[in-house]
Amino acid sequence: MKTHRYLSINHDGGFIPFAHRGGTGFAPENTMAAFRHAYELGYRHLETDVHATSDGVLAAFHDHDLSRTCGRTGSIGELTWSEVARARVSDDHSIPLLSDLLEEFPDAYFNIDAKADTAVEPLLTLLHRLDCLDRVCIGSFSHRRLATIRQRARVCTSASPREVTQWLAGSIPRGPDCFQVPVSQGPIPVVTARSVARAQRAGKPVHVWTIDDPREMQRLIDLGVDGIMTDDTVALERIARANGLWPNR
């Protein structure tokens, strides 16, 4: 079974530490300062989100509007990039372009959550233009969005909620290359010894988000998960090192 390059760059022990939105301990989420800090710690798998502006530019930003992190009104999909670029995260940090991240960290791998249908076309165009399909994994809560991406590009994708449900019911879907999931969904456990083993037998790694408690990190490592996404990049580095799972640079 052929493994996508994004997933075959498995460091010591096959475990991947992910900096979720770059982490939040040093700088606000999805800012260049956060990603630089994670990179300097040794992270080479960086997670981010994308929205397209009204003129088709991809912003690395989680929310659909600017209110929570920038303290101002405005939906990214209804604003031009020049308008979005004037916003500041926590009054100090500009919103990065996805292209800025891909170009600043050429040896890093990016997990990209396509947050809206309008992001799909510019995302695929950008990834083809920069010739970096082999160093990204695309996820989405929209099955339709992921199906479109899979039809249009040979790129690593994670499972949609529909495909996660199939996995938990005992059937491994063919579409996704990996499962990137929370520990549980409401009262329903998602990451268990049985579900992890089932996915791994099918050659599909399990990455868990978003884990900031060191004790939970250790429990999941003991369970055998293939990766953890965290906002607390320092804590995950410490736990991964203690388990001999931190990549050697």
C-alpha atoms as a PDB file:
ATOM      1  CA  MET A   1       0.000   0.000   0.000  1.00  0.00           C
ATOM      2  CA  LYS A   2       1.525   3.293  -1.132  1.00  0.00           C
ATOM      3  CA  THR A   3       1.691   6.027   1.511  1.00  0.00           C
ATOM      4  CA  HIS A   4       1.385   9.661   0.552  1.00  0.00           C
ATOM      5  CA  ARG A   5       4.645  11.539   1.015  1.00  0.00           C
ATOM      6  CA  TYR A   6       3.039  13.871   3.549  1.00  0.00           C
ATOM      7  CA  LEU A   7       2.413  10.858   5.786  1.00  0.00           C
ATOM      8  CA  SER A   8       5.615   8.991   4.985  1.00  0.00           C
ATOM      9  CA  ILE A   9       7.683  11.787   6.513  1.00  0.00           C
ATOM     10  CA  ASN A  10       7.090  10.044   9.809  1.00  0.00           C
ATOM     11  CA  HIS A  11       9.835  10.922  12.224  1.00  0.00           C
ATOM     12  CA  ASP A  12      11.327   8.648  14.861  1.00  0.00           C
ATOM     13  CA  GLY A  13       8.725   6.087  15.868  1.00  0.00           C
ATOM     14  CA  GLY A  14       6.294   7.151  13.168  1.00  0.00           C
ATOM     15  CA  PHE A  15       4.796   9.904  15.337  1.00  0.00           C
ATOM     16  CA  ILE A  16       3.987  13.373  13.972  1.00  0.00           C
ATOM     17  CA  PRO A  17       3.735  16.397  16.295  1.00  0.00           C
ATOM     18  CA  PHE A  18       1.542  19.123  14.773  1.00  0.00           C
ATOM     19  CA  ALA A  19       1.501  22.796  15.743  1.00  0.00           C
ATOM     20  CA  HIS A  20      -2.233  23.586  15.679  1.00  0.00           C
ATOM     21  CA  ARG A  21      -2.655  27.023  14.066  1.00  0.00           C
ATOM     22  CA  GLY A  22       1.035  27.470  14.884  1.00  0.00           C
ATOM     23  CA  GLY A  23       0.357  27.157  18.614  1.00  0.00           C
ATOM     24  CA  THR A  24      -0.815  29.857  21.007  1.00  0.00           C
ATOM     25  CA  GLY A  25       1.748  29.893  23.820  1.00  0.00           C
ATOM     26  CA  PHE A  26       4.158  32.355  22.214  1.00  0.00           C
ATOM     27  CA  ALA A  27       1.932  34.369  19.871  1.00  0.00           C
ATOM     28  CA  PRO A  28      -1.734  34.418  18.806  1.00  0.00           C
ATOM     29  CA  GLU A  29      -3.075  31.623  16.604  1.00  0.00           C
ATOM     30  CA  ASN A  30      -2.481  31.666  12.862  1.00  0.00           C
ATOM     31  CA  THR A  31       0.097  34.453  12.997  1.00  0.00           C
ATOM     32  CA  MET A  32       3.510  34.374  11.411  1.00  0.00           C
ATOM     33  CA  ALA A  33       5.073  34.772  14.861  1.00  0.00           C
ATOM     34  CA  ALA A  34       3.323  31.625  16.104  1.00  0.00           C
ATOM     35  CA  PHE A  35       4.406  29.565  13.101  1.00  0.00           C
ATOM     36  CA  ARG A  36       7.984  30.806  13.354  1.00  0.00           C
ATOM     37  CA  HIS A  37       8.120  29.865  17.026  1.00  0.00           C
ATOM     38  CA  ALA A  38       6.809  26.356  16.320  1.00  0.00           C
ATOM     39  CA  TYR A  39       9.282  25.944  13.481  1.00  0.00           C
ATOM     40  CA  GLU A  40      12.167  27.043  15.708  1.00  0.00           C
ATOM     41  CA  LEU A  41      11.087  24.458  18.302  1.00  0.00           C
ATOM     42  CA  GLY A  42      11.459  21.808  15.607  1.00  0.00           C
ATOM     43  CA  TYR A  43       7.909  21.369  14.327  1.00  0.00           C
ATOM     44  CA  ARG A  44       7.735  20.526  10.654  1.00  0.00           C
ATOM     45  CA  HIS A  45       4.010  19.776  10.496  1.00  0.00           C
ATOM     46  CA  LEU A  46       2.053  22.996  10.859  1.00  0.00           C
ATOM     47  CA  GLU A  47      -1.736  23.179  10.894  1.00  0.00           C
ATOM     48  CA  THR A  48      -3.720  26.127   9.571  1.00  0.00           C
ATOM     49  CA  ASP A  49      -7.043  27.122   8.034  1.00  0.00           C
ATOM     50  CA  VAL A  50      -7.931  29.016   4.876  1.00  0.00           C
ATOM     51  CA  HIS A  51     -10.672  31.365   3.783  1.00  0.00           C
ATOM     52  CA  ALA A  52     -10.846  33.092   0.422  1.00  0.00           C
ATOM     53  CA  THR A  53     -11.395  36.842   0.304  1.00  0.00           C
ATOM     54  CA  SER A  54     -13.906  38.318  -2.129  1.00  0.00           C
ATOM     55  CA  ASP A  55     -11.114  38.744  -4.684  1.00  0.00           C
ATOM     56  CA  GLY A  56      -9.941  35.127  -4.344  1.00  0.00           C
ATOM     57  CA  VAL A  57      -6.921  35.537  -2.071  1.00  0.00           C
ATOM     58  CA  LEU A  58      -6.299  32.819   0.538  1.00  0.00           C
ATOM     59  CA  ALA A  59      -5.937  34.042   4.111  1.00  0.00           C
ATOM     60  CA  ALA A  60      -4.547  31.695   6.767  1.00  0.00           C
ATOM     61  CA  PHE A  61      -7.332  32.336   9.272  1.00  0.00           C
ATOM     62  CA  HIS A  62      -9.757  30.147  11.198  1.00  0.00           C
ATOM     63  CA  ASP A  63     -12.966  32.136  11.683  1.00  0.00           C
ATOM     64  CA  HIS A  64     -15.198  33.313   8.876  1.00  0.00           C
ATOM     65  CA  ASP A  65     -15.164  36.834  10.325  1.00  0.00           C
ATOM     66  CA  LEU A  66     -12.687  39.109  12.065  1.00  0.00           C
ATOM     67  CA  SER A  67     -14.517  39.741  15.329  1.00  0.00           C
ATOM     68  CA  ARG A  68     -13.009  37.163  17.726  1.00  0.00           C
ATOM     69  CA  THR A  69      -9.309  37.662  17.051  1.00  0.00           C
ATOM     70  CA  CYS A  70      -9.202  41.114  15.463  1.00  0.00           C
ATOM     71  CA  GLY A  71     -11.953  42.884  17.388  1.00  0.00           C
ATOM     72  CA  ARG A  72     -13.632  44.325  14.312  1.00  0.00           C
ATOM     73  CA  THR A  73     -16.551  43.417  12.103  1.00  0.00           C
ATOM     74  CA  GLY A  74     -16.274  41.952   8.645  1.00  0.00           C
ATOM     75  CA  SER A  75     -16.628  38.587   6.946  1.00  0.00           C
ATOM     76  CA  ILE A  76     -13.485  37.522   5.123  1.00  0.00           C
ATOM     77  CA  GLY A  77     -15.472  36.203   2.179  1.00  0.00           C
ATOM     78  CA  GLU A  78     -17.079  39.607   1.709  1.00  0.00           C
ATOM     79  CA  LEU A  79     -13.886  41.671   2.029  1.00  0.00           C
ATOM     80  CA  THR A  80     -11.033  42.180  -0.410  1.00  0.00           C
ATOM     81  CA  TRP A  81      -7.545  41.112   0.587  1.00  0.00           C
ATOM     82  CA  SER A  82      -6.464  44.743   0.919  1.00  0.00           C
ATOM     83  CA  GLU A  83      -9.230  45.212   3.507  1.00  0.00           C
ATOM     84  CA  VAL A  84      -8.380  42.005   5.387  1.00  0.00           C
ATOM     85  CA  ALA A  85      -4.688  42.891   5.354  1.00  0.00           C
ATOM     86  CA  ARG A  86      -5.408  46.005   7.407  1.00  0.00           C
ATOM     87  CA  ALA A  87      -6.848  43.933  10.268  1.00  0.00           C
ATOM     88  CA  ARG A  88      -4.608  43.028  13.208  1.00  0.00           C
ATOM     89  CA  VAL A  89      -4.811  39.917  15.366  1.00  0.00           C
ATOM     90  CA  SER A  90      -4.652  40.931  19.030  1.00  0.00           C
ATOM     91  CA  ASP A  91      -3.949  44.519  17.871  1.00  0.00           C
ATOM     92  CA  ASP A  92      -0.456  43.629  16.703  1.00  0.00           C
ATOM     93  CA  HIS A  93      -0.193  40.790  14.169  1.00  0.00           C
ATOM     94  CA  SER A  94      -1.137  40.850  10.510  1.00  0.00           C
ATOM     95  CA  ILE A  95      -3.066  37.968   8.970  1.00  0.00           C
ATOM     96  CA  PRO A  96      -0.717  35.879   6.806  1.00  0.00           C
ATOM     97  CA  LEU A  97      -1.411  34.664   3.316  1.00  0.00           C
ATOM     98  CA  LEU A  98      -1.251  30.905   2.857  1.00  0.00           C
ATOM     99  CA  SER A  99       1.316  31.533   0.131  1.00  0.00           C
ATOM    100  CA  ASP A 100       3.477  33.402   2.679  1.00  0.00           C
ATOM    101  CA  LEU A 101       3.510  30.339   4.943  1.00  0.00           C
ATOM    102  CA  LEU A 102       4.279  27.871   2.163  1.00  0.00           C
ATOM    103  CA  GLU A 103       7.144  30.014   0.904  1.00  0.00           C
ATOM    104  CA  GLU A 104       8.634  30.964   4.282  1.00  0.00           C
ATOM    105  CA  PHE A 105       8.828  27.347   5.464  1.00  0.00           C
ATOM    106  CA  PRO A 106       9.764  25.390   2.325  1.00  0.00           C
ATOM    107  CA  ASP A 107      10.680  22.216   4.228  1.00  0.00           C
ATOM    108  CA  ALA A 108       7.548  22.217   6.398  1.00  0.00           C
ATOM    109  CA  TYR A 109       4.373  20.215   5.828  1.00  0.00           C
ATOM    110  CA  PHE A 110       1.014  21.913   6.169  1.00  0.00           C
ATOM    111  CA  ASN A 111      -2.308  20.565   7.335  1.00  0.00           C
ATOM    112  CA  ILE A 112      -4.867  22.862   5.718  1.00  0.00           C
ATOM    113  CA  ASP A 113      -8.521  23.063   6.709  1.00  0.00           C
ATOM    114  CA  ALA A 114     -10.510  24.399   3.750  1.00  0.00           C
ATOM    115  CA  LYS A 115     -13.126  26.396   5.634  1.00  0.00           C
ATOM    116  CA  ALA A 116     -15.429  27.379   2.766  1.00  0.00           C
ATOM    117  CA  ASP A 117     -16.421  26.280  -0.732  1.00  0.00           C
ATOM    118  CA  THR A 118     -14.970  29.517  -2.101  1.00  0.00           C
ATOM    119  CA  ALA A 119     -11.521  28.483  -0.840  1.00  0.00           C
ATOM    120  CA  VAL A 120     -11.308  25.291  -2.926  1.00  0.00           C
ATOM    121  CA  GLU A 121     -10.489  26.736  -6.349  1.00  0.00           C
ATOM    122  CA  PRO A 122      -7.850  29.256  -5.187  1.00  0.00           C
ATOM    123  CA  LEU A 123      -6.349  26.614  -2.892  1.00  0.00           C
ATOM    124  CA  LEU A 124      -5.871  24.093  -5.689  1.00  0.00           C
ATOM    125  CA  THR A 125      -4.575  26.804  -8.010  1.00  0.00           C
ATOM    126  CA  LEU A 126      -2.020  27.944  -5.424  1.00  0.00           C
ATOM    127  CA  LEU A 127      -0.819  24.438  -4.589  1.00  0.00           C
ATOM    128  CA  HIS A 128      -0.322  23.622  -8.253  1.00  0.00           C
ATOM    129  CA  ARG A 129       1.433  26.936  -8.907  1.00  0.00           C
ATOM    130  CA  LEU A 130       3.856  26.425  -6.025  1.00  0.00           C
ATOM    131  CA  ASP A 131       4.238  22.722  -6.866  1.00  0.00           C
ATOM    132  CA  CYS A 132       3.679  21.680  -3.260  1.00  0.00           C
ATOM    133  CA  LEU A 133       0.841  19.161  -3.403  1.00  0.00           C
ATOM    134  CA  ASP A 134       3.151  16.581  -1.861  1.00  0.00           C
ATOM    135  CA  ARG A 135       3.660  18.573   1.334  1.00  0.00           C
ATOM    136  CA  VAL A 136       0.080  19.344   2.275  1.00  0.00           C
ATOM    137  CA  CYS A 137      -2.852  17.456   3.719  1.00  0.00           C
ATOM    138  CA  ILE A 138      -6.286  18.973   3.233  1.00  0.00           C
ATOM    139  CA  GLY A 139      -9.157  18.499   5.632  1.00  0.00           C
ATOM    140  CA  SER A 140     -12.699  19.800   5.842  1.00  0.00           C
ATOM    141  CA  PHE A 141     -15.938  19.222   7.679  1.00  0.00           C
ATOM    142  CA  SER A 142     -17.614  19.189   4.261  1.00  0.00           C
ATOM    143  CA  HIS A 143     -17.612  15.799   2.535  1.00  0.00           C
ATOM    144  CA  ARG A 144     -18.606  17.439  -0.747  1.00  0.00           C
ATOM    145  CA  ARG A 145     -15.697  19.849  -0.532  1.00  0.00           C
ATOM    146  CA  LEU A 146     -13.233  17.005   0.061  1.00  0.00           C
ATOM    147  CA  ALA A 147     -14.724  14.944  -2.772  1.00  0.00           C
ATOM    148  CA  THR A 148     -14.155  17.878  -5.139  1.00  0.00           C
ATOM    149  CA  ILE A 149     -10.552  18.259  -4.003  1.00  0.00           C
ATOM    150  CA  ARG A 150      -9.863  14.546  -4.467  1.00  0.00           C
ATOM    151  CA  GLN A 151     -11.250  14.670  -7.982  1.00  0.00           C
ATOM    152  CA  ARG A 152      -9.126  17.663  -8.887  1.00  0.00           C
ATOM    153  CA  ALA A 153      -5.742  16.809  -7.383  1.00  0.00           C
ATOM    154  CA  ARG A 154      -3.582  13.963  -6.169  1.00  0.00           C
ATOM    155  CA  VAL A 155      -3.195  15.288  -2.664  1.00  0.00           C
ATOM    156  CA  CYS A 156      -3.345  13.854   0.834  1.00  0.00           C
ATOM    157  CA  THR A 157      -6.740  14.337   2.491  1.00  0.00           C
ATOM    158  CA  SER A 158      -8.126  13.531   5.901  1.00  0.00           C
ATOM    159  CA  ALA A 159     -11.516  11.979   6.541  1.00  0.00           C
ATOM    160  CA  SER A 160     -14.770  13.894   6.455  1.00  0.00           C
ATOM    161  CA  PRO A 161     -17.282  13.466   9.318  1.00  0.00           C
ATOM    162  CA  ARG A 162     -19.226  11.016   7.115  1.00  0.00           C
ATOM    163  CA  GLU A 163     -16.088   8.927   6.626  1.00  0.00           C
ATOM    164  CA  VAL A 164     -15.251   9.060  10.327  1.00  0.00           C
ATOM    165  CA  THR A 165     -18.703   7.632  11.040  1.00  0.00           C
ATOM    166  CA  GLN A 166     -18.009   4.773   8.601  1.00  0.00           C
ATOM    167  CA  TRP A 167     -14.705   4.061  10.338  1.00  0.00           C
ATOM    168  CA  LEU A 168     -16.278   3.967  13.774  1.00  0.00           C
ATOM    169  CA  ALA A 169     -19.018   1.672  12.455  1.00  0.00           C
ATOM    170  CA  GLY A 170     -16.354  -0.814  11.372  1.00  0.00           C
ATOM    171  CA  SER A 171     -15.871   0.007   7.685  1.00  0.00           C
ATOM    172  CA  ILE A 172     -12.778   1.779   6.397  1.00  0.00           C
ATOM    173  CA  PRO A 173     -13.633   4.325   3.657  1.00  0.00           C
ATOM    174  CA  ARG A 174     -11.371   4.448   0.611  1.00  0.00           C
ATOM    175  CA  GLY A 175     -11.288   8.235   0.154  1.00  0.00           C
ATOM    176  CA  PRO A 176      -9.198   9.574   3.043  1.00  0.00           C
ATOM    177  CA  ASP A 177      -5.486   9.000   3.580  1.00  0.00           C
ATOM    178  CA  CYS A 178      -5.742   9.511   7.333  1.00  0.00           C
ATOM    179  CA  PHE A 179      -8.143  10.187  10.179  1.00  0.00           C
ATOM    180  CA  GLN A 180      -7.748  13.506  11.979  1.00  0.00           C
ATOM    181  CA  VAL A 181     -10.230  13.551  14.805  1.00  0.00           C
ATOM    182  CA  PRO A 182     -11.043  14.651  18.351  1.00  0.00           C
ATOM    183  CA  VAL A 183     -10.850  12.160  21.208  1.00  0.00           C
ATOM    184  CA  SER A 184     -14.633  12.112  21.345  1.00  0.00           C
ATOM    185  CA  GLN A 185     -17.629  13.693  19.685  1.00  0.00           C
ATOM    186  CA  GLY A 186     -20.033  14.622  22.454  1.00  0.00           C
ATOM    187  CA  PRO A 187     -20.693  11.400  24.381  1.00  0.00           C
ATOM    188  CA  ILE A 188     -19.362   9.210  21.563  1.00  0.00           C
ATOM    189  CA  PRO A 189     -15.727   8.053  21.929  1.00  0.00           C
ATOM    190  CA  VAL A 190     -13.770   8.383  18.692  1.00  0.00           C
ATOM    191  CA  VAL A 191     -10.173   7.502  19.562  1.00  0.00           C
ATOM    192  CA  THR A 192     -10.068   4.084  21.233  1.00  0.00           C
ATOM    193  CA  ALA A 193      -7.633   1.200  21.108  1.00  0.00           C
ATOM    194  CA  ARG A 194     -10.014  -0.607  18.753  1.00  0.00           C
ATOM    195  CA  SER A 195     -10.611   2.305  16.371  1.00  0.00           C
ATOM    196  CA  VAL A 196      -6.912   3.177  16.194  1.00  0.00           C
ATOM    197  CA  ALA A 197      -5.959  -0.436  15.473  1.00  0.00           C
ATOM    198  CA  ARG A 198      -8.650  -0.708  12.785  1.00  0.00           C
ATOM    199  CA  ALA A 199      -7.377   2.400  11.001  1.00  0.00           C
ATOM    200  CA  GLN A 200      -3.730   1.412  11.249  1.00  0.00           C
ATOM    201  CA  ARG A 201      -4.406  -2.068   9.857  1.00  0.00           C
ATOM    202  CA  ALA A 202      -5.820  -0.313   6.807  1.00  0.00           C
ATOM    203  CA  GLY A 203      -2.718   1.882   6.522  1.00  0.00           C
ATOM    204  CA  LYS A 204      -4.507   5.048   7.615  1.00  0.00           C
ATOM    205  CA  PRO A 205      -2.806   6.968  10.440  1.00  0.00           C
ATOM    206  CA  VAL A 206      -4.783   8.545  13.277  1.00  0.00           C
ATOM    207  CA  HIS A 207      -3.990  12.127  14.301  1.00  0.00           C
ATOM    208  CA  VAL A 208      -5.812  13.609  17.296  1.00  0.00           C
ATOM    209  CA  TRP A 209      -6.775  17.237  17.906  1.00  0.00           C
ATOM    210  CA  THR A 210      -6.537  19.500  19.840  1.00  0.00           C
ATOM    211  CA  ILE A 211      -4.651  18.152  22.868  1.00  0.00           C
ATOM    212  CA  ASP A 212      -3.050  20.552  25.349  1.00  0.00           C
ATOM    213  CA  ASP A 213      -3.022  18.447  28.547  1.00  0.00           C
ATOM    214  CA  PRO A 214       0.326  16.622  28.927  1.00  0.00           C
ATOM    215  CA  ARG A 215      -1.364  13.688  30.676  1.00  0.00           C
ATOM    216  CA  GLU A 216      -3.736  13.258  27.760  1.00  0.00           C
ATOM    217  CA  MET A 217      -0.836  13.525  25.328  1.00  0.00           C
ATOM    218  CA  GLN A 218       0.882  10.673  27.150  1.00  0.00           C
ATOM    219  CA  ARG A 219      -2.279   8.579  27.251  1.00  0.00           C
ATOM    220  CA  LEU A 220      -2.756   8.943  23.499  1.00  0.00           C
ATOM    221  CA  ILE A 221       0.887   8.136  22.796  1.00  0.00           C
ATOM    222  CA  ASP A 222       0.515   5.009  24.932  1.00  0.00           C
ATOM    223  CA  LEU A 223      -2.601   4.175  22.924  1.00  0.00           C
ATOM    224  CA  GLY A 224      -0.488   4.259  19.775  1.00  0.00           C
ATOM    225  CA  VAL A 225      -1.839   7.251  17.858  1.00  0.00           C
ATOM    226  CA  ASP A 226       0.243   8.456  14.926  1.00  0.00           C
ATOM    227  CA  GLY A 227       0.156  12.165  15.702  1.00  0.00           C
ATOM    228  CA  ILE A 228      -1.137  14.860  18.016  1.00  0.00           C
ATOM    229  CA  MET A 229      -2.152  18.426  17.204  1.00  0.00           C
ATOM    230  CA  THR A 230      -1.666  20.943  19.985  1.00  0.00           C
ATOM    231  CA  ASP A 231      -1.848  24.621  20.828  1.00  0.00           C
ATOM    232  CA  ASP A 232       0.758  24.019  23.558  1.00  0.00           C
ATOM    233  CA  THR A 233       3.750  23.359  21.351  1.00  0.00           C
ATOM    234  CA  VAL A 234       6.226  23.429  24.238  1.00  0.00           C
ATOM    235  CA  ALA A 235       4.323  20.777  26.193  1.00  0.00           C
ATOM    236  CA  LEU A 236       4.024  18.419  23.229  1.00  0.00           C
ATOM    237  CA  GLU A 237       7.716  18.827  22.446  1.00  0.00           C
ATOM    238  CA  ARG A 238       8.541  17.866  26.034  1.00  0.00           C
ATOM    239  CA  ILE A 239       6.259  14.818  26.041  1.00  0.00           C
ATOM    240  CA  ALA A 240       7.410  13.661  22.617  1.00  0.00           C
ATOM    241  CA  ARG A 241      11.059  13.968  23.648  1.00  0.00           C
ATOM    242  CA  ALA A 242      10.407  11.997  26.834  1.00  0.00           C
ATOM    243  CA  ASN A 243       8.981   9.192  24.695  1.00  0.00           C
ATOM    244  CA  GLY A 244      11.781   9.286  22.114  1.00  0.00           C
ATOM    245  CA  LEU A 245       9.381  10.552  19.464  1.00  0.00           C
ATOM    246  CA  TRP A 246      10.723  14.037  18.784  1.00  0.00           C
ATOM    247  CA  PRO A 247      12.323  14.362  15.330  1.00  0.00           C
ATOM    248  CA  ASN A 248      16.069  14.766  15.166  1.00  0.00           C
ATOM    249  CA  ARG A 249      17.133  17.843  13.191  1.00  0.00           C
END
